[in-house]
Amino acid sequence: MTKWKWARIIALLYLVSASAFAKEAKIDGSFKIDFLSKNAIVTFFERDEEGGSVVDAFLLLPNLDKNSYSSIRLATIPHEGAAPVIETVFAEDVDKDGKSDLVVLVKWRISHPGIGTDGDYYKSYVFSGNASRLSFEVPRLVKIEEKIGSGLDGTKEGVRSVFKYKDAGSIRRLLRE
C-alpha cells in the first residue's frame, strides 16, 4: 500500500474519532499540496451538526520518518443555508513573503424564490504559509480574504449578480495585481 493510501486511512481514522459526536461523517476530498511542507495533504471532512452539514478542514504534514503524519485542524466551514462545497484548493504566495499560502474557495447553493434570490454564494479561506509546524495552528490571512471578498453569483432580489472570483485563475489574477 502506498504512503498516500496510508495517509488517507490515517486521516479517516483520526477524523472519525475526532468527530464521534456527528450523526454521519465522510471524507469529502483530499489533496496533495506543497504547503508548509513538501507532500502535505489537505483533507476535508463533512459532518452533520445541528442545523446542517459543516466541513472540517485539516492539514496533514509528513513527519520526519516520512511514514506518518501530524494533523492540524485548519477550520470548520459552517453551514450557510446549505452545506458548504469545496470548489478549489491551491497554494500561492498571496502575501508576497516568499512562502506559499493556502487558498480554499468554498461555495454554498442559495435559493430563496420568494424574494427572487438564487445562485451560488462564494467565500475564500486563506491560510498563512508562515505558520510553524510545531504550533498546531495555521493563522488565516483575513486581509487577503477581504480583498477577494465574498458574493453571490446568480440573482439577488430579482437582479442579476455576478461574483468574479469563483475559480483559482480569477483569484490568482486578482492577487497578482
Foldseek 3Di string as FASTA:
>chain_A
DDLVVVAVVVVVVVVCVVPVVFPDKDWPDKDQACFLHHRKIWTWMWTADVPGIKIWIKIWHQDPVSNGTDIATADIGDADVFYKDFQDWYWDPLVPPPHTKIKTKIWGWDDDVVQFDGFIKIFIWIWDSPDDPPVSYTDTPVVLRVQLNIGGQQTGSNHGDHRQPRDPVSSVVSSVD
